[in-house]
N, C-alpha and C. Protein backbone atom coordinates (compact mmCIF):
# COMPACT_ATOMS: atom_id res chain seq x y z
N MET A 1 87.37 -94.63 -11.89
CA MET A 1 88.47 -93.69 -11.67
C MET A 1 88.77 -93.58 -10.26
N ASN A 2 90.16 -93.44 -10.04
CA ASN A 2 90.34 -93.27 -8.65
C ASN A 2 90.64 -91.87 -8.20
N GLU A 3 90.95 -91.54 -6.89
CA GLU A 3 91.34 -90.22 -6.59
C GLU A 3 92.43 -89.57 -7.13
N ASP A 4 93.66 -90.25 -7.45
CA ASP A 4 94.67 -89.64 -8.19
C ASP A 4 94.41 -89.43 -9.51
N GLN A 5 93.68 -90.26 -10.06
CA GLN A 5 93.13 -90.02 -11.70
C GLN A 5 92.49 -88.85 -11.76
N ALA A 6 91.41 -88.65 -10.79
CA ALA A 6 90.62 -87.50 -10.85
C ALA A 6 91.43 -86.13 -10.66
N VAL A 7 92.47 -86.27 -9.68
CA VAL A 7 93.18 -85.00 -9.59
C VAL A 7 94.00 -84.75 -10.65
N SER A 8 94.61 -85.65 -11.35
CA SER A 8 95.50 -85.52 -12.36
C SER A 8 94.58 -84.82 -13.71
N ALA A 9 93.33 -85.34 -13.98
CA ALA A 9 92.54 -84.78 -14.75
C ALA A 9 91.95 -83.37 -14.40
N LEU A 10 91.48 -83.07 -13.22
CA LEU A 10 91.16 -81.79 -12.78
C LEU A 10 92.29 -80.77 -12.88
N GLY A 11 93.64 -81.20 -12.53
CA GLY A 11 94.71 -80.33 -12.77
C GLY A 11 94.93 -80.00 -14.05
N ALA A 12 94.71 -80.89 -14.98
CA ALA A 12 94.98 -80.60 -16.38
C ALA A 12 93.94 -79.57 -16.79
N LEU A 13 92.71 -79.82 -16.37
CA LEU A 13 91.65 -78.91 -16.97
C LEU A 13 91.64 -77.55 -16.04
N ALA A 14 92.54 -77.38 -15.11
CA ALA A 14 92.50 -76.07 -14.30
C ALA A 14 93.30 -75.10 -14.82
N HIS A 15 93.42 -75.00 -16.25
CA HIS A 15 93.99 -73.95 -17.02
C HIS A 15 93.25 -73.35 -18.09
N THR A 16 92.95 -72.16 -18.26
CA THR A 16 92.03 -71.57 -19.20
C THR A 16 92.17 -72.15 -20.57
N GLN A 17 93.55 -72.17 -21.10
CA GLN A 17 93.67 -72.68 -22.27
C GLN A 17 93.55 -74.13 -22.52
N ARG A 18 93.80 -74.87 -21.58
CA ARG A 18 93.58 -76.29 -21.66
C ARG A 18 92.15 -76.71 -21.69
N LEU A 19 91.47 -75.94 -20.73
CA LEU A 19 89.96 -76.10 -20.83
C LEU A 19 89.38 -75.91 -22.16
N ARG A 20 89.86 -74.66 -22.65
CA ARG A 20 89.24 -74.39 -24.06
C ARG A 20 89.67 -75.48 -25.16
N VAL A 21 90.76 -75.99 -25.20
CA VAL A 21 91.30 -77.01 -25.98
C VAL A 21 90.25 -78.40 -25.72
N PHE A 22 90.15 -78.68 -24.49
CA PHE A 22 89.46 -79.96 -24.21
C PHE A 22 87.90 -79.56 -24.65
N ARG A 23 87.37 -78.45 -24.54
CA ARG A 23 86.06 -78.38 -24.78
C ARG A 23 85.90 -78.25 -26.29
N ALA A 24 86.92 -77.82 -27.08
CA ALA A 24 86.79 -77.70 -28.47
C ALA A 24 87.02 -79.15 -29.07
N LEU A 25 87.67 -80.04 -28.46
CA LEU A 25 87.70 -81.34 -28.76
C LEU A 25 86.36 -82.13 -28.34
N VAL A 26 85.80 -81.88 -27.41
CA VAL A 26 84.65 -82.56 -27.01
C VAL A 26 83.39 -82.19 -28.14
N VAL A 27 83.46 -80.79 -28.57
CA VAL A 27 82.56 -80.44 -29.55
C VAL A 27 82.89 -81.17 -30.87
N ALA A 28 83.95 -81.20 -31.12
CA ALA A 28 84.28 -81.92 -32.40
C ALA A 28 84.02 -83.30 -32.61
N GLY A 29 83.71 -83.94 -31.41
CA GLY A 29 83.26 -85.24 -31.28
C GLY A 29 84.35 -86.33 -31.65
N PRO A 30 83.81 -87.56 -32.12
CA PRO A 30 84.67 -88.63 -32.35
C PRO A 30 85.72 -88.39 -33.46
N GLU A 31 85.40 -87.51 -34.44
CA GLU A 31 86.23 -87.15 -35.59
C GLU A 31 87.58 -86.56 -34.99
N GLY A 32 87.54 -85.73 -34.01
CA GLY A 32 88.69 -85.12 -33.59
C GLY A 32 89.12 -84.07 -34.40
N LEU A 33 90.24 -83.36 -34.06
CA LEU A 33 90.73 -82.23 -34.82
C LEU A 33 92.24 -82.38 -34.72
N THR A 34 92.93 -81.78 -35.99
CA THR A 34 94.30 -81.73 -35.98
C THR A 34 94.86 -80.40 -35.07
N PRO A 35 96.14 -80.41 -34.71
CA PRO A 35 96.56 -79.42 -34.07
C PRO A 35 96.46 -77.89 -34.92
N SER A 36 96.58 -78.08 -36.09
CA SER A 36 96.49 -76.81 -36.96
C SER A 36 95.08 -76.21 -36.91
N VAL A 37 94.07 -77.03 -36.89
CA VAL A 37 92.69 -76.57 -36.85
C VAL A 37 92.59 -76.12 -35.51
N LEU A 38 92.84 -76.80 -34.49
CA LEU A 38 92.59 -76.32 -33.08
C LEU A 38 93.14 -74.86 -32.87
N ALA A 39 94.48 -74.86 -33.24
CA ALA A 39 95.29 -73.56 -33.22
C ALA A 39 94.43 -72.40 -33.83
N ASP A 40 94.17 -72.82 -35.18
CA ASP A 40 93.18 -71.67 -35.78
C ASP A 40 91.94 -71.31 -35.11
N GLN A 41 91.20 -72.29 -34.68
CA GLN A 41 90.00 -72.24 -34.10
C GLN A 41 89.99 -71.42 -32.81
N LEU A 42 91.07 -71.65 -31.91
CA LEU A 42 91.37 -71.00 -30.66
C LEU A 42 92.22 -69.89 -30.71
N ASP A 43 92.80 -69.56 -31.83
CA ASP A 43 93.63 -68.49 -31.79
C ASP A 43 94.88 -68.57 -30.83
N VAL A 44 95.45 -69.83 -30.88
CA VAL A 44 96.54 -70.17 -29.85
C VAL A 44 97.74 -70.48 -30.73
N ALA A 45 99.07 -69.93 -30.24
CA ALA A 45 100.10 -70.25 -30.77
C ALA A 45 100.28 -71.90 -30.97
N ARG A 46 100.90 -72.29 -32.00
CA ARG A 46 101.17 -73.90 -32.04
C ARG A 46 102.04 -74.51 -31.11
N ASN A 47 103.13 -73.62 -30.63
CA ASN A 47 103.87 -74.35 -29.60
C ASN A 47 103.28 -74.46 -28.30
N SER A 48 102.41 -73.32 -27.94
CA SER A 48 101.83 -73.46 -26.77
C SER A 48 100.67 -74.41 -26.85
N LEU A 49 99.96 -74.66 -27.87
CA LEU A 49 99.00 -75.75 -28.05
C LEU A 49 99.61 -77.05 -27.92
N SER A 50 100.71 -77.28 -28.47
CA SER A 50 101.45 -78.53 -28.43
C SER A 50 101.61 -79.08 -26.82
N PHE A 51 101.95 -77.94 -26.08
CA PHE A 51 102.29 -78.25 -24.63
C PHE A 51 101.01 -78.68 -24.02
N HIS A 52 99.83 -78.01 -24.26
CA HIS A 52 98.66 -78.08 -23.60
C HIS A 52 98.03 -79.52 -23.96
N LEU A 53 98.22 -79.82 -25.35
CA LEU A 53 97.76 -81.11 -25.74
C LEU A 53 98.45 -82.46 -25.12
N LYS A 54 99.80 -82.15 -24.81
CA LYS A 54 100.41 -82.98 -24.12
C LYS A 54 100.04 -83.30 -22.67
N GLU A 55 99.99 -82.15 -21.99
CA GLU A 55 99.37 -82.11 -20.67
C GLU A 55 98.05 -82.93 -20.47
N LEU A 56 97.11 -82.62 -21.53
CA LEU A 56 95.78 -83.32 -21.54
C LEU A 56 95.98 -84.68 -21.86
N ALA A 57 96.94 -85.32 -22.68
CA ALA A 57 97.03 -86.51 -23.08
C ALA A 57 97.71 -87.20 -21.77
N HIS A 58 98.73 -86.62 -21.23
CA HIS A 58 99.22 -87.17 -19.98
C HIS A 58 98.14 -87.44 -18.92
N ALA A 59 97.21 -86.57 -18.75
CA ALA A 59 96.19 -86.91 -17.79
C ALA A 59 94.89 -87.71 -18.29
N GLY A 60 95.32 -88.35 -19.57
CA GLY A 60 94.35 -89.29 -20.08
C GLY A 60 93.04 -88.62 -20.86
N LEU A 61 92.94 -87.43 -20.86
CA LEU A 61 91.72 -86.76 -21.23
C LEU A 61 91.63 -86.69 -22.91
N VAL A 62 92.80 -86.88 -23.52
CA VAL A 62 92.67 -86.86 -24.95
C VAL A 62 93.56 -87.96 -25.45
N THR A 63 93.00 -88.52 -26.67
CA THR A 63 93.91 -89.58 -27.29
C THR A 63 94.46 -88.95 -28.61
N ILE A 64 95.61 -89.51 -29.15
CA ILE A 64 96.14 -89.10 -30.40
C ILE A 64 96.31 -90.47 -31.28
N GLU A 65 96.03 -90.00 -32.49
CA GLU A 65 96.06 -91.09 -33.58
C GLU A 65 96.85 -90.43 -34.74
N GLN A 66 97.71 -91.34 -35.12
CA GLN A 66 98.52 -90.82 -36.43
C GLN A 66 97.67 -91.20 -37.70
N GLN A 67 97.38 -90.18 -38.46
CA GLN A 67 96.71 -90.45 -39.83
C GLN A 67 97.57 -89.98 -40.82
N GLY A 68 98.19 -90.72 -41.45
CA GLY A 68 99.18 -90.26 -42.41
C GLY A 68 100.19 -89.24 -41.82
N ARG A 69 100.30 -88.01 -42.34
CA ARG A 69 101.24 -87.08 -41.76
C ARG A 69 100.63 -86.32 -40.61
N ASN A 70 99.39 -86.50 -40.36
CA ASN A 70 98.67 -85.62 -39.49
C ASN A 70 98.60 -86.47 -38.01
N LEU A 71 98.23 -85.69 -37.08
CA LEU A 71 98.07 -86.25 -35.85
C LEU A 71 96.62 -85.85 -35.57
N ILE A 72 95.77 -86.70 -34.87
CA ILE A 72 94.46 -86.40 -34.83
C ILE A 72 94.16 -86.54 -33.22
N TYR A 73 93.72 -85.43 -32.70
CA TYR A 73 93.46 -85.44 -31.28
C TYR A 73 91.92 -85.60 -30.95
N ARG A 74 91.45 -86.38 -30.02
CA ARG A 74 90.24 -86.62 -29.59
C ARG A 74 90.00 -86.49 -28.15
N ALA A 75 88.76 -86.02 -27.82
CA ALA A 75 88.65 -86.19 -26.42
C ALA A 75 88.30 -87.57 -25.94
N ASP A 76 88.85 -88.03 -24.93
CA ASP A 76 88.61 -89.29 -24.45
C ASP A 76 87.39 -89.23 -23.70
N PHE A 77 86.15 -89.61 -24.31
CA PHE A 77 84.84 -89.51 -23.63
C PHE A 77 84.68 -90.41 -22.67
N ALA A 78 85.22 -91.50 -22.61
CA ALA A 78 85.22 -92.68 -21.59
C ALA A 78 85.73 -92.05 -20.32
N ARG A 79 86.87 -91.48 -20.59
CA ARG A 79 87.65 -90.86 -19.26
C ARG A 79 86.80 -89.79 -18.78
N MET A 80 86.34 -88.85 -19.68
CA MET A 80 85.59 -87.67 -19.30
C MET A 80 84.27 -88.20 -18.50
N ASN A 81 83.57 -89.27 -18.98
CA ASN A 81 82.53 -89.63 -18.32
C ASN A 81 82.93 -90.37 -16.90
N GLY A 82 84.21 -91.04 -16.90
CA GLY A 82 84.57 -91.50 -15.61
C GLY A 82 84.80 -90.30 -14.62
N LEU A 83 85.24 -89.17 -15.09
CA LEU A 83 85.54 -88.09 -14.08
C LEU A 83 84.23 -87.67 -13.70
N LEU A 84 83.32 -87.31 -14.61
CA LEU A 84 81.96 -86.91 -14.22
C LEU A 84 81.35 -87.85 -13.30
N GLY A 85 81.33 -89.09 -13.45
CA GLY A 85 80.91 -90.20 -12.52
C GLY A 85 81.59 -90.11 -11.28
N TYR A 86 82.74 -90.01 -11.18
CA TYR A 86 83.59 -89.95 -9.93
C TYR A 86 83.17 -88.69 -9.21
N MET A 87 82.91 -87.49 -9.83
CA MET A 87 82.55 -86.20 -9.20
C MET A 87 81.21 -86.33 -8.70
N THR A 88 80.28 -87.02 -9.20
CA THR A 88 78.75 -87.23 -8.93
C THR A 88 78.55 -88.39 -8.20
N GLU A 89 79.24 -89.34 -8.05
CA GLU A 89 79.14 -90.44 -7.27
C GLU A 89 78.70 -90.13 -5.74
N HIS A 90 77.67 -90.73 -5.42
CA HIS A 90 77.25 -90.49 -3.95
C HIS A 90 76.81 -89.20 -3.74
N CYS A 91 76.36 -88.29 -4.99
CA CYS A 91 75.81 -87.13 -4.51
C CYS A 91 74.55 -87.15 -3.71
N CYS A 92 74.09 -85.98 -3.26
CA CYS A 92 72.80 -85.91 -2.41
C CYS A 92 72.91 -86.87 -1.28
N GLN A 93 73.89 -87.11 -0.97
CA GLN A 93 74.12 -88.02 0.34
C GLN A 93 73.43 -89.44 0.05
N GLY A 94 73.44 -89.66 -1.14
CA GLY A 94 73.22 -91.14 -1.54
C GLY A 94 71.69 -91.16 -1.77
N GLY A 95 70.81 -90.17 -1.45
CA GLY A 95 69.53 -90.11 -1.87
C GLY A 95 69.18 -89.91 -3.26
N VAL A 96 67.90 -89.90 -3.79
CA VAL A 96 67.56 -89.60 -5.10
C VAL A 96 68.10 -88.03 -5.51
N CYS A 97 68.67 -88.18 -6.64
CA CYS A 97 69.33 -87.08 -7.03
C CYS A 97 68.74 -86.47 -8.35
N GLU A 98 68.57 -85.03 -8.43
CA GLU A 98 67.96 -84.28 -9.49
C GLU A 98 68.73 -84.40 -10.61
N VAL A 99 69.99 -84.74 -10.63
CA VAL A 99 70.92 -84.69 -11.89
C VAL A 99 70.43 -85.77 -12.85
N SER A 100 70.38 -85.57 -14.06
CA SER A 100 69.81 -86.62 -15.03
C SER A 100 71.29 -87.20 -15.55
N ASP A 101 71.00 -88.26 -16.09
CA ASP A 101 72.20 -88.90 -16.84
C ASP A 101 72.77 -88.15 -18.04
N THR A 102 71.94 -87.54 -18.76
CA THR A 102 72.37 -86.66 -19.83
C THR A 102 73.27 -85.36 -19.50
N THR A 103 73.08 -85.03 -18.15
CA THR A 103 73.96 -83.96 -17.88
C THR A 103 75.35 -84.37 -17.20
N THR A 104 75.33 -85.68 -17.01
CA THR A 104 76.50 -86.35 -16.29
C THR A 104 77.43 -87.08 -17.19
N ARG A 105 77.07 -87.34 -18.47
CA ARG A 105 77.64 -88.21 -19.49
C ARG A 105 77.52 -87.95 -20.87
N CYS A 106 78.45 -88.33 -21.70
CA CYS A 106 78.52 -88.11 -23.03
C CYS A 106 78.47 -89.54 -23.78
N ASP A 107 77.56 -89.84 -24.67
CA ASP A 107 77.59 -91.11 -25.30
C ASP A 107 78.30 -90.97 -26.73
N CYS A 108 79.20 -90.22 -26.90
CA CYS A 108 79.82 -90.34 -28.10
C CYS A 108 80.63 -91.42 -28.48
């Protein structure tokens, strides 16, 4: 991940509702969620949710798959791990770091 991609991802997550949506998709795992399930879970208006999902997709943090008449949204775990890796790269001034791999990546 480069700096511009990190800024785009962090900018997308720098909104309370989008952060909540993204975290819900992370919790859902590889199965993902439909917008209607997300809206019900998070008690968010569907039109507002649509805007937030579009912003997260534009930042590359979520993927969209058409399954019949439904759209399935999933967290892009590779992109999330890339962002975490970018943020923790060279931490601790290049020395031995106390952060373990399990806290800096998701292997879904």
